[in-house]
N, C-alpha and C. Protein backbone atom coordinates (compact mmCIF):
# COMPACT_ATOMS: atom_id res chain seq x y z
N MET A 1 164.95 142.59 131.19
CA MET A 1 163.99 143.14 132.11
C MET A 1 164.57 143.05 133.53
N PRO A 2 164.55 144.15 134.29
CA PRO A 2 165.10 144.14 135.65
C PRO A 2 164.34 143.19 136.58
N LEU A 3 165.05 142.69 137.54
CA LEU A 3 164.51 141.80 138.56
C LEU A 3 164.56 142.55 139.89
N THR A 4 163.44 142.64 140.58
CA THR A 4 163.38 143.34 141.87
C THR A 4 163.07 142.35 142.97
N LEU A 5 163.93 142.34 144.00
CA LEU A 5 163.81 141.37 145.10
C LEU A 5 163.94 142.06 146.45
N PRO A 6 163.16 141.61 147.46
CA PRO A 6 163.38 142.11 148.81
C PRO A 6 164.59 141.41 149.43
N SER A 7 165.28 142.13 150.28
CA SER A 7 166.42 141.58 151.02
C SER A 7 166.16 141.87 152.50
N HIS A 8 165.58 140.89 153.18
CA HIS A 8 165.07 141.09 154.54
C HIS A 8 166.17 141.13 155.60
N ALA A 9 165.97 142.03 156.56
CA ALA A 9 166.83 142.08 157.73
C ALA A 9 166.58 140.81 158.55
N LYS A 10 167.49 140.55 159.47
CA LYS A 10 167.32 139.38 160.33
C LYS A 10 167.76 139.74 161.74
N ILE A 11 167.15 139.08 162.70
CA ILE A 11 167.55 139.28 164.09
C ILE A 11 168.13 137.99 164.62
N ASN A 12 169.06 138.14 165.51
CA ASN A 12 169.75 137.03 166.12
C ASN A 12 169.05 136.72 167.45
N LEU A 13 168.39 135.57 167.54
CA LEU A 13 167.68 135.23 168.78
C LEU A 13 168.64 134.77 169.87
N PHE A 14 169.73 134.12 169.48
CA PHE A 14 170.78 133.79 170.44
C PHE A 14 172.08 133.55 169.69
N LEU A 15 173.17 133.71 170.40
CA LEU A 15 174.49 133.49 169.83
C LEU A 15 175.36 132.85 170.91
N GLU A 16 175.90 131.69 170.60
CA GLU A 16 176.80 131.00 171.52
C GLU A 16 178.14 130.83 170.82
N ILE A 17 179.20 131.34 171.41
CA ILE A 17 180.54 131.18 170.85
C ILE A 17 181.09 129.85 171.36
N LEU A 18 181.42 128.97 170.42
CA LEU A 18 181.84 127.61 170.76
C LEU A 18 183.35 127.47 170.89
N GLY A 19 184.11 128.41 170.37
CA GLY A 19 185.56 128.34 170.44
C GLY A 19 186.19 128.90 169.18
N LYS A 20 187.49 129.06 169.24
CA LYS A 20 188.21 129.61 168.10
C LYS A 20 188.62 128.50 167.15
N ARG A 21 188.46 128.75 165.85
CA ARG A 21 188.84 127.79 164.83
C ARG A 21 190.30 128.01 164.43
N GLU A 22 190.85 127.08 163.68
CA GLU A 22 192.23 127.20 163.22
C GLU A 22 192.44 128.39 162.30
N ASP A 23 191.39 128.82 161.58
CA ASP A 23 191.53 129.95 160.66
C ASP A 23 191.41 131.30 161.37
N GLY A 24 191.27 131.30 162.69
CA GLY A 24 191.20 132.54 163.45
C GLY A 24 189.78 133.03 163.72
N PHE A 25 188.80 132.50 162.99
CA PHE A 25 187.41 132.85 163.23
C PHE A 25 186.86 131.98 164.35
N HIS A 26 185.69 132.35 164.85
CA HIS A 26 185.06 131.59 165.93
C HIS A 26 183.96 130.68 165.39
N ALA A 27 183.87 129.50 165.95
CA ALA A 27 182.74 128.62 165.69
C ALA A 27 181.60 129.11 166.56
N VAL A 28 180.40 129.22 165.96
CA VAL A 28 179.26 129.74 166.70
C VAL A 28 178.03 128.86 166.47
N ARG A 29 177.11 128.96 167.40
CA ARG A 29 175.78 128.38 167.26
C ARG A 29 174.82 129.56 167.38
N THR A 30 173.92 129.68 166.44
CA THR A 30 173.03 130.83 166.44
C THR A 30 171.69 130.48 165.82
N LEU A 31 170.70 131.29 166.09
CA LEU A 31 169.41 131.17 165.44
C LEU A 31 169.00 132.56 164.99
N MET A 32 168.90 132.75 163.67
CA MET A 32 168.49 134.03 163.11
C MET A 32 167.16 133.88 162.41
N LEU A 33 166.33 134.90 162.53
CA LEU A 33 165.03 134.90 161.88
C LEU A 33 164.86 136.18 161.07
N PRO A 34 164.27 136.05 159.87
CA PRO A 34 164.02 137.25 159.07
C PRO A 34 162.90 138.08 159.70
N ILE A 35 162.96 139.40 159.48
CA ILE A 35 161.89 140.30 159.92
C ILE A 35 161.37 141.05 158.69
N SER A 36 160.32 141.82 158.87
CA SER A 36 159.67 142.45 157.72
C SER A 36 160.50 143.60 157.12
N LEU A 37 161.36 144.24 157.89
CA LEU A 37 162.20 145.32 157.38
C LEU A 37 163.11 144.76 156.28
N ALA A 38 163.16 145.45 155.14
CA ALA A 38 163.93 144.92 154.01
C ALA A 38 164.48 146.03 153.14
N ASP A 39 165.66 145.79 152.59
CA ASP A 39 166.17 146.59 151.48
C ASP A 39 165.52 146.02 150.22
N THR A 40 165.58 146.77 149.14
CA THR A 40 165.09 146.28 147.85
C THR A 40 166.24 146.33 146.85
N LEU A 41 166.52 145.19 146.22
CA LEU A 41 167.56 145.12 145.19
C LEU A 41 166.89 145.01 143.83
N THR A 42 167.29 145.88 142.92
CA THR A 42 166.83 145.82 141.54
C THR A 42 168.06 145.48 140.70
N ILE A 43 167.99 144.36 140.01
CA ILE A 43 169.15 143.84 139.28
C ILE A 43 168.79 143.76 137.81
N GLU A 44 169.67 144.32 136.97
CA GLU A 44 169.44 144.21 135.53
C GLU A 44 170.70 143.73 134.85
N ASP A 45 170.49 142.99 133.79
CA ASP A 45 171.57 142.42 132.99
C ASP A 45 172.26 143.53 132.21
N LEU A 46 173.58 143.45 132.09
CA LEU A 46 174.35 144.38 131.28
C LEU A 46 175.00 143.61 130.13
N PRO A 47 175.18 144.26 128.99
CA PRO A 47 175.77 143.58 127.84
C PRO A 47 177.29 143.37 127.95
N SER A 48 177.91 143.99 128.94
CA SER A 48 179.35 143.82 129.12
C SER A 48 179.61 143.21 130.50
N PRO A 49 180.77 142.57 130.67
CA PRO A 49 181.04 141.86 131.94
C PRO A 49 181.51 142.79 133.07
N CYS A 50 180.70 143.79 133.39
CA CYS A 50 181.04 144.65 134.52
C CYS A 50 179.93 144.57 135.55
N ILE A 51 180.29 144.82 136.79
CA ILE A 51 179.32 144.86 137.88
C ILE A 51 179.24 146.30 138.36
N GLU A 52 178.05 146.88 138.27
CA GLU A 52 177.81 148.25 138.72
C GLU A 52 176.87 148.21 139.91
N ILE A 53 177.20 148.97 140.95
CA ILE A 53 176.35 149.02 142.14
C ILE A 53 175.98 150.48 142.41
N GLU A 54 174.70 150.71 142.59
CA GLU A 54 174.18 152.02 142.94
C GLU A 54 173.38 151.85 144.23
N CYS A 55 173.39 152.89 145.08
CA CYS A 55 172.68 152.78 146.34
C CYS A 55 171.99 154.09 146.68
N SER A 56 170.81 153.99 147.26
CA SER A 56 170.07 155.17 147.70
C SER A 56 170.76 155.87 148.87
N ASP A 57 171.62 155.18 149.57
CA ASP A 57 172.37 155.74 150.71
C ASP A 57 173.82 155.92 150.27
N SER A 58 174.22 157.16 150.09
CA SER A 58 175.57 157.45 149.59
C SER A 58 176.68 157.07 150.57
N THR A 59 176.34 156.74 151.81
CA THR A 59 177.38 156.34 152.77
C THR A 59 177.75 154.86 152.64
N LEU A 60 176.96 154.10 151.87
CA LEU A 60 177.27 152.69 151.68
C LEU A 60 178.40 152.54 150.67
N PRO A 61 179.54 151.98 151.07
CA PRO A 61 180.62 151.77 150.10
C PRO A 61 180.19 150.76 149.03
N THR A 62 180.60 150.98 147.81
CA THR A 62 180.25 150.06 146.72
C THR A 62 181.50 149.43 146.12
N ASP A 63 182.62 149.55 146.83
CA ASP A 63 183.89 148.99 146.35
C ASP A 63 184.02 147.53 146.75
N GLY A 64 185.23 147.01 146.74
CA GLY A 64 185.50 145.61 147.01
C GLY A 64 185.13 145.12 148.39
N GLY A 65 184.86 146.01 149.33
CA GLY A 65 184.44 145.60 150.67
C GLY A 65 182.94 145.36 150.76
N ASN A 66 182.20 145.74 149.75
CA ASN A 66 180.76 145.60 149.73
C ASN A 66 180.39 144.15 149.43
N LEU A 67 179.53 143.55 150.26
CA LEU A 67 179.18 142.14 150.10
C LEU A 67 178.37 141.87 148.83
N ILE A 68 177.63 142.86 148.36
CA ILE A 68 176.91 142.71 147.09
C ILE A 68 177.93 142.54 145.97
N ARG A 69 178.91 143.43 145.92
CA ARG A 69 179.95 143.37 144.89
C ARG A 69 180.74 142.06 144.99
N ARG A 70 181.15 141.71 146.21
CA ARG A 70 181.94 140.49 146.37
C ARG A 70 181.17 139.26 145.91
N ALA A 71 179.88 139.18 146.27
CA ALA A 71 179.06 138.04 145.86
C ALA A 71 178.89 138.01 144.34
N ALA A 72 178.57 139.16 143.75
CA ALA A 72 178.34 139.23 142.30
C ALA A 72 179.61 138.88 141.53
N GLU A 73 180.74 139.42 141.95
CA GLU A 73 181.99 139.15 141.23
C GLU A 73 182.43 137.70 141.36
N LEU A 74 182.23 137.11 142.52
CA LEU A 74 182.59 135.71 142.70
C LEU A 74 181.72 134.80 141.83
N LEU A 75 180.42 135.05 141.83
CA LEU A 75 179.51 134.27 140.99
C LEU A 75 179.87 134.46 139.51
N GLN A 76 180.15 135.68 139.13
CA GLN A 76 180.53 135.98 137.75
C GLN A 76 181.82 135.23 137.37
N GLN A 77 182.84 135.31 138.21
CA GLN A 77 184.12 134.65 137.92
C GLN A 77 183.96 133.14 137.77
N ARG A 78 183.15 132.54 138.64
CA ARG A 78 183.03 131.08 138.65
C ARG A 78 182.05 130.52 137.62
N HIS A 79 181.00 131.31 137.29
CA HIS A 79 179.92 130.72 136.49
C HIS A 79 179.48 131.53 135.27
N ALA A 80 179.84 132.81 135.21
CA ALA A 80 179.32 133.64 134.11
C ALA A 80 180.29 134.76 133.75
N PRO A 81 181.50 134.42 133.34
CA PRO A 81 182.53 135.45 133.13
C PRO A 81 182.21 136.48 132.05
N THR A 82 181.27 136.19 131.18
CA THR A 82 180.92 137.15 130.12
C THR A 82 179.70 137.99 130.46
N ARG A 83 179.10 137.76 131.63
CA ARG A 83 177.87 138.45 132.03
C ARG A 83 178.19 139.63 132.93
N GLY A 84 177.30 140.61 132.94
CA GLY A 84 177.43 141.77 133.80
C GLY A 84 176.09 142.14 134.39
N ALA A 85 176.11 143.04 135.36
CA ALA A 85 174.86 143.44 136.00
C ALA A 85 174.99 144.82 136.62
N ARG A 86 173.87 145.52 136.65
CA ARG A 86 173.74 146.76 137.42
C ARG A 86 172.80 146.43 138.56
N ILE A 87 173.24 146.73 139.77
CA ILE A 87 172.46 146.41 140.97
C ILE A 87 172.18 147.70 141.71
N HIS A 88 170.90 148.02 141.87
CA HIS A 88 170.51 149.20 142.63
C HIS A 88 169.95 148.73 143.97
N VAL A 89 170.43 149.35 145.04
CA VAL A 89 169.98 149.00 146.39
C VAL A 89 169.20 150.17 146.97
N GLN A 90 167.94 149.91 147.30
CA GLN A 90 167.15 150.89 148.04
C GLN A 90 167.32 150.51 149.51
N LYS A 91 168.16 151.27 150.25
CA LYS A 91 168.47 150.95 151.64
C LYS A 91 167.34 151.35 152.57
N ASN A 92 166.86 150.39 153.31
CA ASN A 92 165.88 150.61 154.38
C ASN A 92 166.41 150.06 155.70
N ILE A 93 167.30 149.07 155.63
CA ILE A 93 167.93 148.51 156.82
C ILE A 93 169.08 149.44 157.20
N PRO A 94 169.10 149.96 158.42
CA PRO A 94 170.19 150.86 158.80
C PRO A 94 171.56 150.16 158.70
N ILE A 95 172.52 150.87 158.14
CA ILE A 95 173.88 150.33 157.99
C ILE A 95 174.52 150.21 159.38
N GLY A 96 175.11 149.05 159.66
CA GLY A 96 175.81 148.84 160.92
C GLY A 96 174.91 148.62 162.11
N ALA A 97 173.65 148.31 161.89
CA ALA A 97 172.69 148.15 162.99
C ALA A 97 172.66 146.73 163.55
N GLY A 98 173.44 145.82 162.97
CA GLY A 98 173.43 144.45 163.45
C GLY A 98 172.22 143.66 163.00
N LEU A 99 171.60 144.09 161.91
CA LEU A 99 170.40 143.41 161.40
C LEU A 99 170.69 142.57 160.16
N GLY A 100 171.95 142.39 159.84
CA GLY A 100 172.35 141.50 158.75
C GLY A 100 172.09 142.05 157.36
N GLY A 101 171.98 143.36 157.22
CA GLY A 101 171.71 143.95 155.92
C GLY A 101 172.74 143.59 154.87
N GLY A 102 174.01 143.64 155.22
CA GLY A 102 175.06 143.31 154.26
C GLY A 102 175.03 141.87 153.81
N SER A 103 174.90 140.95 154.76
CA SER A 103 174.91 139.53 154.39
C SER A 103 173.65 139.13 153.64
N THR A 104 172.49 139.69 154.01
CA THR A 104 171.28 139.34 153.26
C THR A 104 171.31 139.97 151.87
N ASN A 105 171.89 141.15 151.74
CA ASN A 105 172.04 141.74 150.41
C ASN A 105 172.95 140.88 149.54
N GLY A 106 174.01 140.34 150.13
CA GLY A 106 174.91 139.45 149.38
C GLY A 106 174.20 138.19 148.92
N SER A 107 173.44 137.58 149.81
CA SER A 107 172.74 136.34 149.43
C SER A 107 171.61 136.61 148.44
N THR A 108 170.93 137.75 148.59
CA THR A 108 169.88 138.11 147.63
C THR A 108 170.49 138.37 146.26
N THR A 109 171.66 138.96 146.22
CA THR A 109 172.37 139.18 144.96
C THR A 109 172.66 137.85 144.28
N LEU A 110 173.14 136.87 145.03
CA LEU A 110 173.43 135.55 144.45
C LEU A 110 172.17 134.91 143.88
N ARG A 111 171.07 134.96 144.64
CA ARG A 111 169.82 134.37 144.15
C ARG A 111 169.32 135.11 142.91
N GLY A 112 169.40 136.43 142.94
CA GLY A 112 168.92 137.22 141.81
C GLY A 112 169.73 137.01 140.55
N LEU A 113 171.05 137.01 140.67
CA LEU A 113 171.89 136.80 139.49
C LEU A 113 171.77 135.38 138.97
N ASN A 114 171.61 134.42 139.84
CA ASN A 114 171.40 133.04 139.42
C ASN A 114 170.15 132.96 138.53
N GLN A 115 169.11 133.67 138.92
CA GLN A 115 167.87 133.70 138.13
C GLN A 115 168.05 134.52 136.86
N LEU A 116 168.58 135.74 136.98
CA LEU A 116 168.71 136.64 135.83
C LEU A 116 169.63 136.07 134.75
N TRP A 117 170.72 135.45 135.17
CA TRP A 117 171.69 134.90 134.23
C TRP A 117 171.35 133.46 133.81
N ASN A 118 170.21 132.93 134.28
CA ASN A 118 169.77 131.57 133.94
C ASN A 118 170.85 130.51 134.22
N LEU A 119 171.48 130.63 135.38
CA LEU A 119 172.55 129.69 135.74
C LEU A 119 171.99 128.36 136.26
N ASN A 120 170.81 128.40 136.84
CA ASN A 120 170.17 127.20 137.39
C ASN A 120 171.02 126.48 138.43
N LEU A 121 171.77 127.24 139.21
CA LEU A 121 172.57 126.64 140.27
C LEU A 121 171.67 126.29 141.45
N PRO A 122 171.91 125.13 142.08
CA PRO A 122 171.12 124.80 143.27
C PRO A 122 171.50 125.71 144.44
N ASP A 123 170.62 125.85 145.42
CA ASP A 123 170.86 126.72 146.56
C ASP A 123 172.17 126.41 147.28
N ASP A 124 172.53 125.12 147.36
CA ASP A 124 173.74 124.76 148.11
C ASP A 124 175.03 125.05 147.34
N ALA A 125 174.90 125.45 146.08
CA ALA A 125 176.11 125.81 145.30
C ALA A 125 176.64 127.14 145.74
């Protein structure tokens, strides 16, 4: 049975850049809050170990640069190598608007697959 979850946009109330880290990224201090605008992810189990992504917005890439795909494949590799999923994204958060649509879709994918695949992983995993 498919699982349908909201994936809420978020706004950044402040952002302070603390300095550059050794890995080349910046250390930051920020406060983000979810807002009511949300994409909807519908996730269903597949009998084969493939990850399929469909999106209502054809401009959204679904290849290896997509955070939904990256999150799903990483979880699959580490915890469920024989499981697969089809993930449909109903896009409501504008792509590239700075509202965190990609990152919230990735985290919603992890929560949804954890539930669908009965992995019972804690949130901090």
